[in-house]
Amino acid sequence: MSLPPSPRPFRGPRRRSLLASAAGAAGAVLLVGCTGGSDSDGPGAGPSAADRARARAARDSEALAGRYAAVIAAHPGLAERLGPLREEVVRHAEAFGGERAAASPRASSTASSAASASVSPSVSARAAGPAARDAGAVPADEKGALGMLADAERKLADRRAEALLDVPGETARLLASVAAAGAAHVFLLTEGDG
């Protein structure tokens, strides 16, 4: 027994053809971001642009985790609000190849101090931005401390968004994802200020 024909006249493409074309388009978009070769400029050329960007992003995230730790130490009442954001920043550092030492507030401040001492002041000042020059100075009021963190997150998210143009596929996607998370952190840090 066959099914009776549909009472509706056929209009446009069928559902299967739409799904197949959407899947094909999504696959094509994913393939565009992939490259066949390596990211390095040639044998013995040193670290690639992607490796340098990942290392810089890991350092930036580790420094930001240290700033969160400093604010939590200065304002223990903010620990519940800032703890999850700080843990996410630590995971970002790990995703970029950073060390897990940033996981505990005490270890991260020691690690960031050691990292800052090993890098020349002009390089670290450029990489971390103006607010990081006095990272040890946490504002005395909670609102000011949250504003300092929001400003640091905003500037770092903006730098990462700009760096997207200079790095290939996977690193660009990771930078974009972490920049978006940073923008979300800014919202969460400034929530209730408006």
N, C-alpha and C. Protein backbone atom coordinates (compact mmCIF):
# COMPACT_ATOMS: atom_id res chain seq x y z
N MET A 1 0.85 -1.17 0.00
CA MET A 1 0.00 0.00 0.00
C MET A 1 0.89 1.23 0.00
N SER A 2 0.70 2.08 -0.94
CA SER A 2 1.50 3.29 -1.04
C SER A 2 0.80 4.43 -0.32
N LEU A 3 1.61 5.39 0.06
CA LEU A 3 1.07 6.56 0.75
C LEU A 3 0.46 7.51 -0.26
N PRO A 4 -0.61 8.17 0.11
CA PRO A 4 -1.21 9.14 -0.82
C PRO A 4 -0.28 10.33 -1.00
N PRO A 5 -0.33 10.95 -2.12
CA PRO A 5 0.50 12.13 -2.35
C PRO A 5 0.15 13.24 -1.36
N SER A 6 1.13 14.05 -1.07
CA SER A 6 0.95 15.16 -0.13
C SER A 6 -0.03 16.16 -0.72
N PRO A 7 -0.92 16.69 0.11
CA PRO A 7 -1.88 17.68 -0.40
C PRO A 7 -1.20 19.01 -0.73
N ARG A 8 0.00 19.23 -0.16
CA ARG A 8 0.69 20.49 -0.43
C ARG A 8 1.50 20.37 -1.72
N PRO A 9 1.45 21.38 -2.55
CA PRO A 9 2.30 21.35 -3.75
C PRO A 9 3.76 21.57 -3.34
N PHE A 10 4.68 21.00 -4.08
CA PHE A 10 6.11 21.12 -3.79
C PHE A 10 6.57 22.55 -4.05
N ARG A 11 7.18 23.16 -3.03
CA ARG A 11 7.72 24.52 -3.17
C ARG A 11 9.14 24.52 -2.63
N GLY A 12 10.09 24.82 -3.42
CA GLY A 12 11.47 24.95 -2.98
C GLY A 12 12.15 23.61 -2.75
N PRO A 13 13.37 23.66 -2.25
CA PRO A 13 14.15 22.45 -2.04
C PRO A 13 13.62 21.62 -0.87
N ARG A 14 13.92 20.34 -0.92
CA ARG A 14 13.51 19.43 0.15
C ARG A 14 14.44 19.57 1.35
N ARG A 15 13.96 19.10 2.49
CA ARG A 15 14.70 19.20 3.75
C ARG A 15 16.07 18.51 3.65
N ARG A 16 16.11 17.32 3.04
CA ARG A 16 17.38 16.59 2.92
C ARG A 16 18.41 17.36 2.11
N SER A 17 17.97 17.96 1.02
CA SER A 17 18.92 18.71 0.20
C SER A 17 19.42 19.95 0.93
N LEU A 18 18.57 20.57 1.73
CA LEU A 18 19.00 21.72 2.53
C LEU A 18 20.03 21.30 3.57
N LEU A 19 19.75 20.18 4.26
CA LEU A 19 20.69 19.70 5.26
C LEU A 19 22.02 19.31 4.64
N ALA A 20 21.97 18.65 3.49
CA ALA A 20 23.20 18.23 2.83
C ALA A 20 24.02 19.44 2.39
N SER A 21 23.35 20.45 1.83
CA SER A 21 24.10 21.63 1.39
C SER A 21 24.65 22.41 2.58
N ALA A 22 23.90 22.47 3.68
CA ALA A 22 24.41 23.16 4.88
C ALA A 22 25.62 22.43 5.44
N ALA A 23 25.57 21.10 5.47
CA ALA A 23 26.71 20.33 5.97
C ALA A 23 27.92 20.53 5.06
N GLY A 24 27.68 20.56 3.76
CA GLY A 24 28.79 20.78 2.83
C GLY A 24 29.39 22.16 2.99
N ALA A 25 28.56 23.17 3.17
CA ALA A 25 29.07 24.53 3.38
C ALA A 25 29.85 24.64 4.67
N ALA A 26 29.35 23.99 5.74
CA ALA A 26 30.07 24.03 7.01
C ALA A 26 31.42 23.34 6.87
N GLY A 27 31.46 22.23 6.17
CA GLY A 27 32.73 21.53 5.95
C GLY A 27 33.72 22.38 5.16
N ALA A 28 33.21 23.08 4.16
CA ALA A 28 34.08 23.94 3.36
C ALA A 28 34.65 25.07 4.19
N VAL A 29 33.84 25.65 5.07
CA VAL A 29 34.31 26.73 5.94
C VAL A 29 35.41 26.22 6.87
N LEU A 30 35.22 25.03 7.41
CA LEU A 30 36.24 24.47 8.31
C LEU A 30 37.54 24.19 7.57
N LEU A 31 37.44 23.73 6.32
CA LEU A 31 38.65 23.42 5.56
C LEU A 31 39.41 24.67 5.16
N VAL A 32 38.72 25.77 4.99
CA VAL A 32 39.40 27.01 4.63
C VAL A 32 40.38 27.43 5.72
N GLY A 33 40.05 27.20 6.99
CA GLY A 33 40.91 27.58 8.10
C GLY A 33 42.12 26.69 8.26
N CYS A 34 42.10 25.52 7.64
CA CYS A 34 43.22 24.58 7.78
C CYS A 34 44.29 24.87 6.75
N THR A 35 45.52 24.64 7.12
CA THR A 35 46.62 24.81 6.20
C THR A 35 47.33 23.50 6.02
N GLY A 36 47.92 23.30 4.87
CA GLY A 36 48.61 22.05 4.60
C GLY A 36 50.01 22.03 5.16
N GLY A 37 50.65 23.19 5.23
CA GLY A 37 52.04 23.24 5.67
C GLY A 37 52.15 23.61 7.13
N SER A 38 53.39 23.77 7.57
CA SER A 38 53.62 24.16 8.96
C SER A 38 53.57 25.68 9.06
N ASP A 39 53.54 26.17 10.27
CA ASP A 39 53.45 27.62 10.49
C ASP A 39 54.81 28.29 10.50
N SER A 40 55.88 27.53 10.45
CA SER A 40 57.21 28.13 10.55
C SER A 40 57.64 28.69 9.21
N ASP A 41 58.58 29.60 9.26
CA ASP A 41 59.04 30.28 8.07
C ASP A 41 60.10 29.48 7.32
N GLY A 42 60.49 28.35 7.78
CA GLY A 42 61.49 27.53 7.13
C GLY A 42 62.31 26.80 8.17
N PRO A 43 63.13 25.86 7.71
CA PRO A 43 63.93 25.11 8.67
C PRO A 43 64.94 26.01 9.37
N GLY A 44 64.99 25.91 10.68
CA GLY A 44 65.95 26.69 11.46
C GLY A 44 65.59 28.16 11.59
N ALA A 45 64.36 28.53 11.21
CA ALA A 45 63.97 29.94 11.25
C ALA A 45 63.55 30.38 12.65
N GLY A 46 63.51 29.47 13.61
CA GLY A 46 63.09 29.82 14.96
C GLY A 46 61.61 29.60 15.12
N PRO A 47 61.05 30.10 16.21
CA PRO A 47 59.63 29.88 16.46
C PRO A 47 58.77 30.57 15.41
N SER A 48 57.66 29.92 15.05
CA SER A 48 56.75 30.50 14.07
C SER A 48 55.95 31.63 14.70
N ALA A 49 55.24 32.35 13.85
CA ALA A 49 54.39 33.43 14.34
C ALA A 49 53.33 32.88 15.29
N ALA A 50 52.80 31.70 14.97
CA ALA A 50 51.79 31.08 15.84
C ALA A 50 52.39 30.72 17.19
N ASP A 51 53.62 30.18 17.19
CA ASP A 51 54.27 29.82 18.47
C ASP A 51 54.55 31.05 19.32
N ARG A 52 54.99 32.12 18.67
CA ARG A 52 55.25 33.36 19.41
C ARG A 52 53.96 33.93 19.97
N ALA A 53 52.88 33.89 19.18
CA ALA A 53 51.60 34.41 19.65
C ALA A 53 51.06 33.58 20.81
N ARG A 54 51.21 32.26 20.73
CA ARG A 54 50.75 31.40 21.83
C ARG A 54 51.56 31.66 23.10
N ALA A 55 52.87 31.82 22.97
CA ALA A 55 53.71 32.08 24.15
C ALA A 55 53.34 33.42 24.77
N ARG A 56 53.13 34.43 23.94
CA ARG A 56 52.74 35.76 24.45
C ARG A 56 51.38 35.68 25.13
N ALA A 57 50.43 34.97 24.52
CA ALA A 57 49.09 34.84 25.11
C ALA A 57 49.15 34.08 26.43
N ALA A 58 50.01 33.06 26.52
CA ALA A 58 50.16 32.32 27.78
C ALA A 58 50.71 33.23 28.87
N ARG A 59 51.73 34.02 28.53
CA ARG A 59 52.30 34.97 29.51
C ARG A 59 51.27 35.99 29.95
N ASP A 60 50.51 36.51 29.00
CA ASP A 60 49.48 37.50 29.33
C ASP A 60 48.42 36.91 30.27
N SER A 61 48.01 35.67 29.98
CA SER A 61 47.00 35.03 30.83
C SER A 61 47.56 34.73 32.22
N GLU A 62 48.82 34.32 32.28
CA GLU A 62 49.44 34.06 33.59
C GLU A 62 49.54 35.35 34.40
N ALA A 63 49.90 36.45 33.74
CA ALA A 63 49.97 37.74 34.44
C ALA A 63 48.58 38.17 34.91
N LEU A 64 47.57 37.95 34.08
CA LEU A 64 46.20 38.30 34.46
C LEU A 64 45.73 37.45 35.64
N ALA A 65 46.08 36.17 35.64
CA ALA A 65 45.73 35.31 36.78
C ALA A 65 46.40 35.83 38.05
N GLY A 66 47.61 36.32 37.93
CA GLY A 66 48.30 36.92 39.07
C GLY A 66 47.59 38.16 39.58
N ARG A 67 47.04 38.94 38.67
CA ARG A 67 46.29 40.14 39.08
C ARG A 67 45.01 39.75 39.81
N TYR A 68 44.34 38.72 39.30
CA TYR A 68 43.16 38.21 40.01
C TYR A 68 43.55 37.77 41.42
N ALA A 69 44.66 37.05 41.52
CA ALA A 69 45.11 36.56 42.84
C ALA A 69 45.40 37.72 43.78
N ALA A 70 46.00 38.79 43.24
CA ALA A 70 46.31 39.95 44.07
C ALA A 70 45.03 40.62 44.58
N VAL A 71 44.04 40.72 43.72
CA VAL A 71 42.77 41.34 44.13
C VAL A 71 42.07 40.46 45.16
N ILE A 72 42.10 39.14 44.95
CA ILE A 72 41.47 38.23 45.92
C ILE A 72 42.18 38.32 47.27
N ALA A 73 43.51 38.44 47.24
CA ALA A 73 44.26 38.56 48.50
C ALA A 73 43.94 39.88 49.20
N ALA A 74 43.77 40.96 48.44
CA ALA A 74 43.49 42.26 49.04
C ALA A 74 42.03 42.39 49.47
N HIS A 75 41.14 41.70 48.79
CA HIS A 75 39.70 41.79 49.06
C HIS A 75 39.12 40.38 49.16
N PRO A 76 39.30 39.70 50.27
CA PRO A 76 38.82 38.33 50.41
C PRO A 76 37.31 38.18 50.19
N GLY A 77 36.56 39.22 50.39
CA GLY A 77 35.12 39.18 50.16
C GLY A 77 34.76 38.97 48.69
N LEU A 78 35.70 39.23 47.79
CA LEU A 78 35.46 39.05 46.36
C LEU A 78 35.86 37.66 45.87
N ALA A 79 36.41 36.84 46.76
CA ALA A 79 36.94 35.54 46.35
C ALA A 79 35.89 34.66 45.67
N GLU A 80 34.68 34.65 46.20
CA GLU A 80 33.63 33.81 45.62
C GLU A 80 33.26 34.28 44.21
N ARG A 81 33.25 35.58 44.00
CA ARG A 81 32.91 36.14 42.69
C ARG A 81 34.05 35.99 41.69
N LEU A 82 35.28 36.20 42.14
CA LEU A 82 36.42 36.21 41.24
C LEU A 82 37.08 34.85 41.03
N GLY A 83 36.90 33.94 41.97
CA GLY A 83 37.54 32.63 41.88
C GLY A 83 37.27 31.90 40.57
N PRO A 84 36.01 31.77 40.15
CA PRO A 84 35.74 31.09 38.89
C PRO A 84 36.34 31.80 37.67
N LEU A 85 36.34 33.12 37.68
CA LEU A 85 36.94 33.86 36.56
C LEU A 85 38.44 33.63 36.51
N ARG A 86 39.08 33.64 37.67
CA ARG A 86 40.51 33.40 37.75
C ARG A 86 40.86 32.00 37.26
N GLU A 87 40.07 31.01 37.67
CA GLU A 87 40.32 29.63 37.23
C GLU A 87 40.21 29.52 35.71
N GLU A 88 39.27 30.26 35.14
CA GLU A 88 39.13 30.25 33.69
C GLU A 88 40.35 30.88 33.02
N VAL A 89 40.86 31.95 33.59
CA VAL A 89 42.06 32.59 33.06
C VAL A 89 43.25 31.62 33.14
N VAL A 90 43.34 30.86 34.22
CA VAL A 90 44.40 29.85 34.36
C VAL A 90 44.26 28.80 33.25
N ARG A 91 43.03 28.37 32.98
CA ARG A 91 42.82 27.39 31.90
C ARG A 91 43.20 27.98 30.55
N HIS A 92 42.97 29.27 30.37
CA HIS A 92 43.38 29.92 29.12
C HIS A 92 44.90 29.85 28.97
N ALA A 93 45.61 30.15 30.05
CA ALA A 93 47.07 30.08 30.01
C ALA A 93 47.52 28.68 29.64
N GLU A 94 46.89 27.68 30.22
CA GLU A 94 47.24 26.29 29.91
C GLU A 94 46.94 25.96 28.45
N ALA A 95 45.83 26.46 27.93
CA ALA A 95 45.47 26.20 26.54
C ALA A 95 46.50 26.78 25.58
N PHE A 96 47.12 27.88 25.97
CA PHE A 96 48.15 28.50 25.14
C PHE A 96 49.51 27.88 25.38
N GLY A 97 49.60 26.92 26.29
CA GLY A 97 50.87 26.27 26.57
C GLY A 97 51.55 26.77 27.82
N GLY A 98 50.84 27.55 28.63
CA GLY A 98 51.41 28.05 29.88
C GLY A 98 51.49 26.97 30.92
N GLU A 99 52.06 27.30 32.05
CA GLU A 99 52.27 26.33 33.12
C GLU A 99 51.08 26.31 34.07
N ARG A 100 50.89 25.18 34.74
CA ARG A 100 49.81 25.03 35.71
C ARG A 100 50.15 25.73 37.02
N ALA A 101 51.36 26.26 37.15
CA ALA A 101 51.76 26.94 38.38
C ALA A 101 50.82 28.08 38.71
N ALA A 102 50.13 28.60 37.70
CA ALA A 102 49.22 29.72 37.92
C ALA A 102 47.93 29.28 38.61
N ALA A 103 47.79 27.98 38.88
CA ALA A 103 46.54 27.48 39.46
C ALA A 103 46.30 27.98 40.87
N SER A 104 47.33 28.09 41.68
CA SER A 104 47.12 28.57 43.04
C SER A 104 47.55 30.02 43.14
N PRO A 105 46.83 30.85 43.88
CA PRO A 105 47.16 32.27 43.95
C PRO A 105 48.59 32.52 44.40
N ARG A 106 49.09 31.77 45.38
CA ARG A 106 50.44 31.99 45.85
C ARG A 106 51.46 31.64 44.77
N ALA A 107 51.25 30.49 44.10
CA ALA A 107 52.18 30.06 43.06
C ALA A 107 52.14 31.02 41.88
N SER A 108 50.96 31.55 41.55
CA SER A 108 50.88 32.43 40.40
C SER A 108 51.60 33.75 40.65
N SER A 109 51.50 34.28 41.86
CA SER A 109 52.19 35.54 42.09
C SER A 109 53.70 35.31 42.10
N THR A 110 54.14 34.15 42.58
CA THR A 110 55.57 33.83 42.52
C THR A 110 55.99 33.63 41.07
N ALA A 111 55.16 32.90 40.30
CA ALA A 111 55.49 32.64 38.90
C ALA A 111 55.51 33.94 38.10
N SER A 112 54.52 34.83 38.34
CA SER A 112 54.53 36.07 37.58
C SER A 112 55.67 36.97 37.97
N SER A 113 56.09 36.94 39.24
CA SER A 113 57.24 37.73 39.64
C SER A 113 58.49 37.21 38.96
N ALA A 114 58.62 35.89 38.92
CA ALA A 114 59.79 35.30 38.27
C ALA A 114 59.77 35.59 36.78
N ALA A 115 58.60 35.49 36.17
CA ALA A 115 58.50 35.76 34.73
C ALA A 115 58.80 37.22 34.44
N SER A 116 58.31 38.11 35.29
CA SER A 116 58.56 39.54 35.08
C SER A 116 60.04 39.86 35.23
N ALA A 117 60.70 39.20 36.17
CA ALA A 117 62.12 39.46 36.38
C ALA A 117 62.96 38.96 35.23
N SER A 118 62.49 37.89 34.54
CA SER A 118 63.31 37.32 33.48
C SER A 118 63.12 38.04 32.15
N VAL A 119 62.11 38.89 32.01
CA VAL A 119 61.85 39.59 30.77
C VAL A 119 62.27 41.04 30.95
N SER A 120 62.82 41.62 29.88
CA SER A 120 63.25 43.01 30.00
C SER A 120 62.04 43.91 30.24
N PRO A 121 62.21 45.01 30.97
CA PRO A 121 61.07 45.87 31.31
C PRO A 121 60.32 46.38 30.10
N SER A 122 61.02 46.75 29.03
CA SER A 122 60.32 47.30 27.88
C SER A 122 59.44 46.25 27.22
N VAL A 123 59.92 45.00 27.14
CA VAL A 123 59.12 43.94 26.54
C VAL A 123 57.93 43.62 27.41
N SER A 124 58.13 43.47 28.72
CA SER A 124 57.02 43.12 29.60
C SER A 124 56.02 44.27 29.67
N ALA A 125 56.48 45.49 29.65
CA ALA A 125 55.57 46.63 29.70
C ALA A 125 54.71 46.68 28.45
N ARG A 126 55.33 46.41 27.29
CA ARG A 126 54.58 46.38 26.05
C ARG A 126 53.58 45.24 26.03
N ALA A 127 53.99 44.08 26.48
CA ALA A 127 53.13 42.89 26.43
C ALA A 127 51.97 42.99 27.41
N ALA A 128 52.21 43.49 28.58
CA ALA A 128 51.17 43.49 29.61
C ALA A 128 50.34 44.76 29.63
N GLY A 129 50.81 45.82 29.01
CA GLY A 129 50.03 47.05 28.98
C GLY A 129 50.35 47.94 30.16
N PRO A 130 49.85 49.17 30.13
CA PRO A 130 50.19 50.14 31.16
C PRO A 130 49.67 49.79 32.55
N ALA A 131 48.52 49.15 32.63
CA ALA A 131 47.97 48.85 33.95
C ALA A 131 48.77 47.79 34.68
N ALA A 132 49.52 46.97 33.94
CA ALA A 132 50.28 45.89 34.58
C ALA A 132 51.59 46.39 35.18
N ARG A 133 51.99 47.59 34.83
CA ARG A 133 53.25 48.11 35.38
C ARG A 133 53.19 48.22 36.89
N ASP A 134 52.02 48.53 37.40
CA ASP A 134 51.85 48.60 38.84
C ASP A 134 50.83 47.55 39.28
N ALA A 135 51.05 46.30 38.81
CA ALA A 135 50.11 45.22 39.10
C ALA A 135 50.01 44.94 40.59
N GLY A 136 51.05 45.28 41.36
CA GLY A 136 51.01 45.06 42.79
C GLY A 136 50.09 46.04 43.49
N ALA A 137 49.75 47.15 42.83
CA ALA A 137 48.91 48.17 43.45
C ALA A 137 47.45 47.85 43.19
N VAL A 138 46.80 47.24 44.18
CA VAL A 138 45.38 46.92 44.08
C VAL A 138 44.62 48.06 44.76
N PRO A 139 43.62 48.63 44.09
CA PRO A 139 42.84 49.69 44.72
C PRO A 139 42.25 49.23 46.06
N ALA A 140 42.15 50.17 46.99
CA ALA A 140 41.68 49.86 48.34
C ALA A 140 40.20 49.51 48.38
N ASP A 141 39.41 50.04 47.44
CA ASP A 141 37.98 49.73 47.45
C ASP A 141 37.68 48.63 46.45
N GLU A 142 36.66 47.83 46.75
CA GLU A 142 36.32 46.69 45.90
C GLU A 142 35.91 47.11 44.50
N LYS A 143 35.15 48.19 44.40
CA LYS A 143 34.70 48.66 43.09
C LYS A 143 35.89 49.05 42.21
N GLY A 144 36.87 49.71 42.81
CA GLY A 144 38.07 50.08 42.07
C GLY A 144 38.87 48.86 41.64
N ALA A 145 38.94 47.85 42.52
CA ALA A 145 39.67 46.62 42.19
C ALA A 145 38.98 45.88 41.05
N LEU A 146 37.65 45.82 41.09
CA LEU A 146 36.92 45.18 40.00
C LEU A 146 37.09 45.96 38.70
N GLY A 147 37.10 47.28 38.80
CA GLY A 147 37.33 48.12 37.62
C GLY A 147 38.71 47.89 37.03
N MET A 148 39.72 47.72 37.90
CA MET A 148 41.08 47.45 37.43
C MET A 148 41.13 46.13 36.67
N LEU A 149 40.47 45.09 37.20
CA LEU A 149 40.44 43.80 36.52
C LEU A 149 39.68 43.89 35.21
N ALA A 150 38.55 44.59 35.21
CA ALA A 150 37.76 44.74 33.99
C ALA A 150 38.56 45.46 32.91
N ASP A 151 39.31 46.49 33.31
CA ASP A 151 40.14 47.22 32.36
C ASP A 151 41.23 46.32 31.78
N ALA A 152 41.87 45.54 32.65
CA ALA A 152 42.92 44.62 32.18
C ALA A 152 42.34 43.57 31.24
N GLU A 153 41.17 43.02 31.57
CA GLU A 153 40.52 42.03 30.70
C GLU A 153 40.16 42.65 29.35
N ARG A 154 39.62 43.87 29.38
CA ARG A 154 39.21 44.55 28.15
C ARG A 154 40.40 44.80 27.24
N LYS A 155 41.48 45.33 27.80
CA LYS A 155 42.66 45.62 26.98
C LYS A 155 43.26 44.34 26.41
N LEU A 156 43.30 43.29 27.21
CA LEU A 156 43.86 42.03 26.74
C LEU A 156 42.97 41.42 25.66
N ALA A 157 41.67 41.47 25.82
CA ALA A 157 40.75 40.95 24.79
C ALA A 157 40.91 41.73 23.49
N ASP A 158 41.08 43.04 23.58
CA ASP A 158 41.28 43.86 22.39
C ASP A 158 42.58 43.51 21.69
N ARG A 159 43.67 43.34 22.46
CA ARG A 159 44.96 42.96 21.86
C ARG A 159 44.87 41.60 21.17
N ARG A 160 44.17 40.68 21.80
CA ARG A 160 44.03 39.34 21.21
C ARG A 160 43.19 39.40 19.94
N ALA A 161 42.16 40.22 19.92
CA ALA A 161 41.34 40.36 18.72
C ALA A 161 42.17 40.94 17.57
N GLU A 162 43.04 41.89 17.87
CA GLU A 162 43.91 42.46 16.84
C GLU A 162 44.92 41.44 16.34
N ALA A 163 45.41 40.58 17.23
CA ALA A 163 46.41 39.58 16.86
C ALA A 163 45.84 38.49 15.96
N LEU A 164 44.53 38.37 15.88
CA LEU A 164 43.90 37.34 15.05
C LEU A 164 44.35 37.43 13.59
N LEU A 165 44.58 38.62 13.13
CA LEU A 165 44.94 38.82 11.73
C LEU A 165 46.34 38.31 11.39
N ASP A 166 47.17 38.14 12.41
CA ASP A 166 48.57 37.79 12.17
C ASP A 166 48.91 36.33 12.41
N VAL A 167 47.92 35.52 12.79
CA VAL A 167 48.21 34.11 13.10
C VAL A 167 47.33 33.19 12.26
N PRO A 168 47.81 31.98 12.03
CA PRO A 168 47.05 31.04 11.21
C PRO A 168 45.95 30.32 12.00
N GLY A 169 45.12 29.59 11.28
CA GLY A 169 43.98 28.80 11.69
C GLY A 169 43.72 28.53 13.16
N GLU A 170 44.30 27.45 13.68
CA GLU A 170 43.97 26.99 15.03
C GLU A 170 44.32 28.02 16.10
N THR A 171 45.45 28.67 15.95
CA THR A 171 45.84 29.70 16.92
C THR A 171 44.86 30.87 16.87
N ALA A 172 44.42 31.24 15.68
CA ALA A 172 43.45 32.32 15.55
C ALA A 172 42.13 31.95 16.21
N ARG A 173 41.70 30.71 16.03
CA ARG A 173 40.44 30.29 16.66
C ARG A 173 40.56 30.31 18.18
N LEU A 174 41.70 29.86 18.69
CA LEU A 174 41.91 29.86 20.13
C LEU A 174 41.95 31.30 20.67
N LEU A 175 42.67 32.17 19.97
CA LEU A 175 42.72 33.58 20.39
C LEU A 175 41.32 34.20 20.38
N ALA A 176 40.55 33.90 19.34
CA ALA A 176 39.20 34.46 19.25
C ALA A 176 38.32 33.97 20.39
N SER A 177 38.44 32.70 20.71
CA SER A 177 37.64 32.13 21.79
C SER A 177 38.00 32.76 23.13
N VAL A 178 39.29 32.90 23.39
CA VAL A 178 39.73 33.46 24.66
C VAL A 178 39.43 34.96 24.73
N ALA A 179 39.52 35.66 23.60
CA ALA A 179 39.15 37.08 23.58
C ALA A 179 37.67 37.24 23.89
N ALA A 180 36.84 36.35 23.36
CA ALA A 180 35.40 36.40 23.66
C ALA A 180 35.15 36.12 25.14
N ALA A 181 35.88 35.17 25.69
CA ALA A 181 35.73 34.88 27.13
C ALA A 181 36.16 36.10 27.95
N GLY A 182 37.21 36.78 27.52
CA GLY A 182 37.66 37.99 28.21
C GLY A 182 36.59 39.07 28.18
N ALA A 183 35.92 39.21 27.03
CA ALA A 183 34.84 40.19 26.93
C ALA A 183 33.70 39.82 27.88
N ALA A 184 33.42 38.53 27.99
CA ALA A 184 32.39 38.09 28.94
C ALA A 184 32.82 38.39 30.38
N HIS A 185 34.10 38.22 30.66
CA HIS A 185 34.61 38.54 32.00
C HIS A 185 34.41 40.02 32.30
N VAL A 186 34.66 40.87 31.31
CA VAL A 186 34.45 42.31 31.51
C VAL A 186 33.00 42.57 31.90
N PHE A 187 32.07 41.93 31.21
CA PHE A 187 30.66 42.10 31.55
C PHE A 187 30.39 41.66 32.98
N LEU A 188 30.91 40.48 33.34
CA LEU A 188 30.66 39.96 34.68
C LEU A 188 31.31 40.82 35.77
N LEU A 189 32.46 41.40 35.46
CA LEU A 189 33.13 42.25 36.44
C LEU A 189 32.45 43.60 36.61
N THR A 190 31.79 44.07 35.57
CA THR A 190 31.15 45.39 35.62
C THR A 190 29.65 45.28 35.84
N GLU A 191 29.12 44.06 35.96
CA GLU A 191 27.70 43.86 36.17
C GLU A 191 27.25 44.56 37.46
N GLY A 192 26.22 45.33 37.34
CA GLY A 192 25.71 46.06 38.50
C GLY A 192 26.30 47.44 38.66
N ASP A 193 27.26 47.81 37.78
CA ASP A 193 27.86 49.15 37.87
C ASP A 193 27.04 50.19 37.14
N GLY A 194 26.18 49.75 36.23
CA GLY A 194 25.47 50.67 35.36
C GLY A 194 24.23 51.16 35.95
